[in-house]
Amino acid sequence: MDQNPKCIESLSPECTNLRLKYDTCFNDWFKNVFLSNDTNAENKNDKICEFEFVEYQKCLFKSIEDLESKTSKQQEGSSHATALPKGLLDSIKEAEKEIEGFEKN
């Protein structure tokens, strides 16, 4: 898939194409269903772009875990290592919990 030059890069470069696929799916739905007020099309698919979202989410969470692991190893090897901001990983974990709750509903 060709990348749109206006597309914002993902947190991790390997996730950018997945983000683009999700963004494209969502934008198509928003333009062609939501804005057109096509309730028949909307009712056919209650979980709009779910597959694209889940794939992008998996990639992001893996990248975050890899970053967290790499940062932990750097901290073990050096007392002056640059760590992620203290609240960042806590915020990410909280977001994961919220998404899990959303998926159950």
N, C-alpha and C. Protein backbone atom coordinates (compact mmCIF):
# COMPACT_ATOMS: atom_id res chain seq x y z
N MET A 1 0.85 -1.18 0.00
CA MET A 1 0.00 0.00 0.00
C MET A 1 0.89 1.23 0.00
N ASP A 2 0.65 2.17 -0.93
CA ASP A 2 1.42 3.39 -0.99
C ASP A 2 1.04 4.28 0.18
N GLN A 3 2.05 4.89 0.77
CA GLN A 3 1.79 5.72 1.93
C GLN A 3 1.41 7.12 1.50
N ASN A 4 0.39 7.63 2.10
CA ASN A 4 -0.05 9.00 1.88
C ASN A 4 0.96 9.94 2.52
N PRO A 5 1.48 10.91 1.78
CA PRO A 5 2.48 11.81 2.36
C PRO A 5 1.92 12.64 3.51
N LYS A 6 0.60 12.74 3.62
CA LYS A 6 0.00 13.48 4.72
C LYS A 6 -0.24 12.60 5.94
N CYS A 7 0.02 11.30 5.81
CA CYS A 7 -0.20 10.36 6.90
C CYS A 7 0.82 10.59 8.01
N ILE A 8 0.34 10.62 9.22
CA ILE A 8 1.23 10.76 10.36
C ILE A 8 1.83 9.40 10.64
N GLU A 9 3.14 9.36 10.84
CA GLU A 9 3.82 8.11 11.14
C GLU A 9 3.27 7.52 12.44
N SER A 10 3.29 6.22 12.52
CA SER A 10 2.89 5.54 13.74
C SER A 10 4.01 5.63 14.76
N LEU A 11 3.72 5.25 15.98
CA LEU A 11 4.71 5.22 17.04
C LEU A 11 5.92 4.38 16.62
N SER A 12 5.65 3.33 15.91
CA SER A 12 6.68 2.43 15.45
C SER A 12 6.59 2.33 13.92
N PRO A 13 7.71 2.47 13.21
CA PRO A 13 7.67 2.44 11.75
C PRO A 13 7.01 1.19 11.17
N GLU A 14 7.20 0.04 11.81
CA GLU A 14 6.60 -1.18 11.27
C GLU A 14 5.08 -1.20 11.42
N CYS A 15 4.52 -0.27 12.19
CA CYS A 15 3.07 -0.20 12.36
C CYS A 15 2.42 0.83 11.44
N THR A 16 3.21 1.61 10.73
CA THR A 16 2.66 2.70 9.93
C THR A 16 1.70 2.21 8.85
N ASN A 17 2.03 1.13 8.14
CA ASN A 17 1.11 0.62 7.11
C ASN A 17 -0.19 0.12 7.72
N LEU A 18 -0.12 -0.48 8.91
CA LEU A 18 -1.35 -0.94 9.57
C LEU A 18 -2.20 0.26 9.99
N ARG A 19 -1.54 1.31 10.45
CA ARG A 19 -2.27 2.53 10.80
C ARG A 19 -2.94 3.11 9.57
N LEU A 20 -2.22 3.13 8.46
CA LEU A 20 -2.78 3.66 7.21
C LEU A 20 -4.00 2.85 6.77
N LYS A 21 -3.93 1.53 6.90
CA LYS A 21 -5.08 0.68 6.54
C LYS A 21 -6.29 0.99 7.43
N TYR A 22 -6.04 1.14 8.73
CA TYR A 22 -7.14 1.47 9.65
C TYR A 22 -7.69 2.86 9.33
N ASP A 23 -6.81 3.84 9.17
CA ASP A 23 -7.26 5.20 8.85
C ASP A 23 -8.09 5.24 7.57
N THR A 24 -7.64 4.50 6.56
CA THR A 24 -8.35 4.45 5.28
C THR A 24 -9.74 3.84 5.47
N CYS A 25 -9.80 2.73 6.18
CA CYS A 25 -11.08 2.07 6.45
C CYS A 25 -12.03 3.01 7.20
N PHE A 26 -11.52 3.63 8.25
CA PHE A 26 -12.36 4.51 9.06
C PHE A 26 -12.83 5.72 8.24
N ASN A 27 -11.91 6.32 7.50
CA ASN A 27 -12.26 7.50 6.71
C ASN A 27 -13.30 7.16 5.64
N ASP A 28 -13.16 5.98 5.02
CA ASP A 28 -14.16 5.54 4.03
C ASP A 28 -15.52 5.37 4.69
N TRP A 29 -15.55 4.73 5.86
CA TRP A 29 -16.81 4.55 6.57
C TRP A 29 -17.40 5.90 6.96
N PHE A 30 -16.57 6.77 7.49
CA PHE A 30 -17.03 8.07 7.95
C PHE A 30 -17.65 8.86 6.79
N LYS A 31 -16.95 8.85 5.66
CA LYS A 31 -17.40 9.61 4.49
C LYS A 31 -18.63 8.98 3.83
N ASN A 32 -18.58 7.66 3.61
CA ASN A 32 -19.61 6.99 2.82
C ASN A 32 -20.81 6.50 3.60
N VAL A 33 -20.66 6.34 4.91
CA VAL A 33 -21.78 5.83 5.71
C VAL A 33 -22.26 6.88 6.70
N PHE A 34 -21.36 7.30 7.57
CA PHE A 34 -21.76 8.22 8.63
C PHE A 34 -22.27 9.55 8.09
N LEU A 35 -21.47 10.19 7.24
CA LEU A 35 -21.88 11.49 6.72
C LEU A 35 -23.07 11.40 5.76
N SER A 36 -23.23 10.26 5.12
CA SER A 36 -24.37 10.11 4.20
C SER A 36 -25.63 9.70 4.97
N ASN A 37 -25.46 9.44 6.26
CA ASN A 37 -26.58 9.05 7.12
C ASN A 37 -27.26 7.79 6.61
N ASP A 38 -26.46 6.86 6.11
CA ASP A 38 -26.97 5.60 5.57
C ASP A 38 -27.10 4.58 6.70
N THR A 39 -28.24 4.57 7.35
CA THR A 39 -28.44 3.68 8.50
C THR A 39 -28.48 2.22 8.09
N ASN A 40 -28.89 1.91 6.89
CA ASN A 40 -28.90 0.52 6.43
C ASN A 40 -27.49 -0.03 6.35
N ALA A 41 -26.57 0.73 5.79
CA ALA A 41 -25.18 0.28 5.69
C ALA A 41 -24.56 0.18 7.06
N GLU A 42 -24.89 1.09 7.95
CA GLU A 42 -24.33 1.10 9.29
C GLU A 42 -24.75 -0.13 10.08
N ASN A 43 -25.99 -0.55 9.92
CA ASN A 43 -26.50 -1.71 10.66
C ASN A 43 -25.92 -3.02 10.18
N LYS A 44 -25.39 -3.07 8.97
CA LYS A 44 -24.82 -4.30 8.44
C LYS A 44 -23.52 -4.66 9.13
N ASN A 45 -22.85 -3.69 9.69
CA ASN A 45 -21.55 -3.94 10.31
C ASN A 45 -21.43 -3.13 11.58
N ASP A 46 -21.71 -3.78 12.72
CA ASP A 46 -21.66 -3.10 14.01
C ASP A 46 -20.23 -2.79 14.44
N LYS A 47 -19.28 -3.54 13.92
CA LYS A 47 -17.90 -3.37 14.34
C LYS A 47 -17.08 -2.83 13.17
N ILE A 48 -17.24 -1.56 12.92
CA ILE A 48 -16.61 -0.90 11.79
C ILE A 48 -15.09 -0.97 11.92
N CYS A 49 -14.44 -1.48 10.91
CA CYS A 49 -12.97 -1.53 10.82
C CYS A 49 -12.31 -2.26 11.99
N GLU A 50 -13.03 -3.19 12.59
CA GLU A 50 -12.51 -3.88 13.77
C GLU A 50 -11.23 -4.66 13.44
N PHE A 51 -11.21 -5.37 12.33
CA PHE A 51 -10.03 -6.16 11.97
C PHE A 51 -8.80 -5.25 11.84
N GLU A 52 -8.94 -4.15 11.11
CA GLU A 52 -7.82 -3.23 10.90
C GLU A 52 -7.36 -2.63 12.23
N PHE A 53 -8.33 -2.28 13.09
CA PHE A 53 -7.98 -1.70 14.39
C PHE A 53 -7.22 -2.70 15.25
N VAL A 54 -7.70 -3.93 15.31
CA VAL A 54 -7.07 -4.95 16.14
C VAL A 54 -5.64 -5.24 15.66
N GLU A 55 -5.45 -5.33 14.35
CA GLU A 55 -4.10 -5.58 13.82
C GLU A 55 -3.15 -4.43 14.16
N TYR A 56 -3.62 -3.21 14.02
CA TYR A 56 -2.81 -2.04 14.35
C TYR A 56 -2.51 -2.01 15.85
N GLN A 57 -3.51 -2.31 16.65
CA GLN A 57 -3.36 -2.34 18.10
C GLN A 57 -2.32 -3.38 18.53
N LYS A 58 -2.38 -4.58 17.95
CA LYS A 58 -1.40 -5.63 18.28
C LYS A 58 0.02 -5.16 17.97
N CYS A 59 0.19 -4.55 16.81
CA CYS A 59 1.51 -4.06 16.41
C CYS A 59 2.01 -3.00 17.40
N LEU A 60 1.14 -2.07 17.77
CA LEU A 60 1.53 -1.02 18.71
C LEU A 60 1.93 -1.60 20.06
N PHE A 61 1.11 -2.51 20.58
CA PHE A 61 1.41 -3.07 21.89
C PHE A 61 2.72 -3.86 21.87
N LYS A 62 2.98 -4.56 20.78
CA LYS A 62 4.24 -5.28 20.66
C LYS A 62 5.41 -4.29 20.64
N SER A 63 5.26 -3.22 19.90
CA SER A 63 6.31 -2.20 19.82
C SER A 63 6.56 -1.56 21.18
N ILE A 64 5.49 -1.31 21.91
CA ILE A 64 5.62 -0.71 23.24
C ILE A 64 6.33 -1.67 24.18
N GLU A 65 5.96 -2.95 24.13
CA GLU A 65 6.63 -3.95 24.97
C GLU A 65 8.12 -4.05 24.62
N ASP A 66 8.42 -4.03 23.31
CA ASP A 66 9.83 -4.08 22.89
C ASP A 66 10.59 -2.86 23.40
N LEU A 67 9.97 -1.70 23.31
CA LEU A 67 10.60 -0.47 23.79
C LEU A 67 10.81 -0.51 25.29
N GLU A 68 9.81 -1.02 26.00
CA GLU A 68 9.91 -1.13 27.46
C GLU A 68 11.04 -2.10 27.83
N SER A 69 11.14 -3.22 27.14
CA SER A 69 12.19 -4.20 27.40
C SER A 69 13.56 -3.61 27.11
N LYS A 70 13.68 -2.93 25.98
CA LYS A 70 14.95 -2.31 25.60
C LYS A 70 15.37 -1.25 26.63
N THR A 71 14.41 -0.46 27.08
CA THR A 71 14.70 0.57 28.07
C THR A 71 15.14 -0.05 29.39
N SER A 72 14.48 -1.14 29.79
CA SER A 72 14.85 -1.82 31.03
C SER A 72 16.27 -2.36 30.96
N LYS A 73 16.64 -2.93 29.81
CA LYS A 73 17.99 -3.45 29.63
C LYS A 73 19.02 -2.33 29.67
N GLN A 74 18.67 -1.19 29.08
CA GLN A 74 19.59 -0.05 29.11
C GLN A 74 19.78 0.45 30.53
N GLN A 75 18.71 0.47 31.31
CA GLN A 75 18.80 0.94 32.68
C GLN A 75 19.65 0.00 33.52
N GLU A 76 19.57 -1.30 33.25
CA GLU A 76 20.38 -2.27 33.99
C GLU A 76 21.86 -2.08 33.68
N GLY A 77 22.17 -1.71 32.42
CA GLY A 77 23.55 -1.58 32.00
C GLY A 77 24.19 -0.26 32.34
N SER A 78 23.39 0.76 32.61
CA SER A 78 23.94 2.08 32.87
C SER A 78 23.03 2.84 33.82
N SER A 79 23.62 3.49 34.77
CA SER A 79 22.82 4.26 35.72
C SER A 79 22.35 5.58 35.11
N HIS A 80 22.90 5.95 33.95
CA HIS A 80 22.54 7.21 33.31
C HIS A 80 21.67 7.00 32.06
N ALA A 81 21.08 5.84 31.92
CA ALA A 81 20.27 5.55 30.73
C ALA A 81 19.04 6.43 30.69
N THR A 82 18.62 6.76 29.51
CA THR A 82 17.41 7.55 29.34
C THR A 82 16.21 6.61 29.42
N ALA A 83 15.32 6.91 30.35
CA ALA A 83 14.14 6.07 30.54
C ALA A 83 12.92 6.76 29.92
N LEU A 84 11.89 5.98 29.70
CA LEU A 84 10.63 6.56 29.26
C LEU A 84 10.09 7.43 30.39
N PRO A 85 9.34 8.48 30.06
CA PRO A 85 8.74 9.28 31.12
C PRO A 85 7.95 8.40 32.08
N LYS A 86 8.05 8.70 33.36
CA LYS A 86 7.50 7.84 34.39
C LYS A 86 6.05 7.44 34.15
N GLY A 87 5.20 8.34 33.79
CA GLY A 87 3.79 8.03 33.63
C GLY A 87 3.40 7.41 32.31
N LEU A 88 4.32 7.38 31.33
CA LEU A 88 3.97 6.89 30.01
C LEU A 88 3.53 5.44 30.01
N LEU A 89 4.32 4.56 30.60
CA LEU A 89 3.96 3.14 30.60
C LEU A 89 2.70 2.88 31.41
N ASP A 90 2.52 3.63 32.50
CA ASP A 90 1.29 3.48 33.27
C ASP A 90 0.08 3.89 32.44
N SER A 91 0.22 4.97 31.67
CA SER A 91 -0.87 5.43 30.80
C SER A 91 -1.18 4.40 29.72
N ILE A 92 -0.14 3.79 29.18
CA ILE A 92 -0.31 2.78 28.14
C ILE A 92 -1.04 1.58 28.71
N LYS A 93 -0.64 1.14 29.89
CA LYS A 93 -1.30 -0.01 30.52
C LYS A 93 -2.77 0.29 30.80
N GLU A 94 -3.06 1.52 31.24
CA GLU A 94 -4.45 1.91 31.50
C GLU A 94 -5.26 1.90 30.21
N ALA A 95 -4.66 2.38 29.12
CA ALA A 95 -5.34 2.37 27.82
C ALA A 95 -5.63 0.94 27.37
N GLU A 96 -4.68 0.03 27.61
CA GLU A 96 -4.89 -1.37 27.26
C GLU A 96 -6.10 -1.93 28.00
N LYS A 97 -6.23 -1.60 29.29
CA LYS A 97 -7.36 -2.08 30.08
C LYS A 97 -8.68 -1.53 29.53
N GLU A 98 -8.67 -0.25 29.16
CA GLU A 98 -9.89 0.36 28.62
C GLU A 98 -10.28 -0.30 27.30
N ILE A 99 -9.31 -0.59 26.47
CA ILE A 99 -9.60 -1.23 25.18
C ILE A 99 -10.13 -2.63 25.39
N GLU A 100 -9.55 -3.37 26.34
CA GLU A 100 -10.05 -4.70 26.65
C GLU A 100 -11.50 -4.64 27.11
N GLY A 101 -11.83 -3.65 27.95
CA GLY A 101 -13.20 -3.48 28.41
C GLY A 101 -14.13 -3.13 27.27
N PHE A 102 -13.67 -2.30 26.35
CA PHE A 102 -14.45 -1.91 25.17
C PHE A 102 -14.71 -3.12 24.29
N GLU A 103 -13.69 -3.96 24.10
CA GLU A 103 -13.83 -5.14 23.24
C GLU A 103 -14.82 -6.15 23.82
N LYS A 104 -14.91 -6.23 25.15
CA LYS A 104 -15.84 -7.17 25.78
C LYS A 104 -17.28 -6.74 25.57
N ASN A 105 -17.49 -5.44 25.42
CA ASN A 105 -18.86 -4.93 25.22
C ASN A 105 -19.18 -5.04 23.80
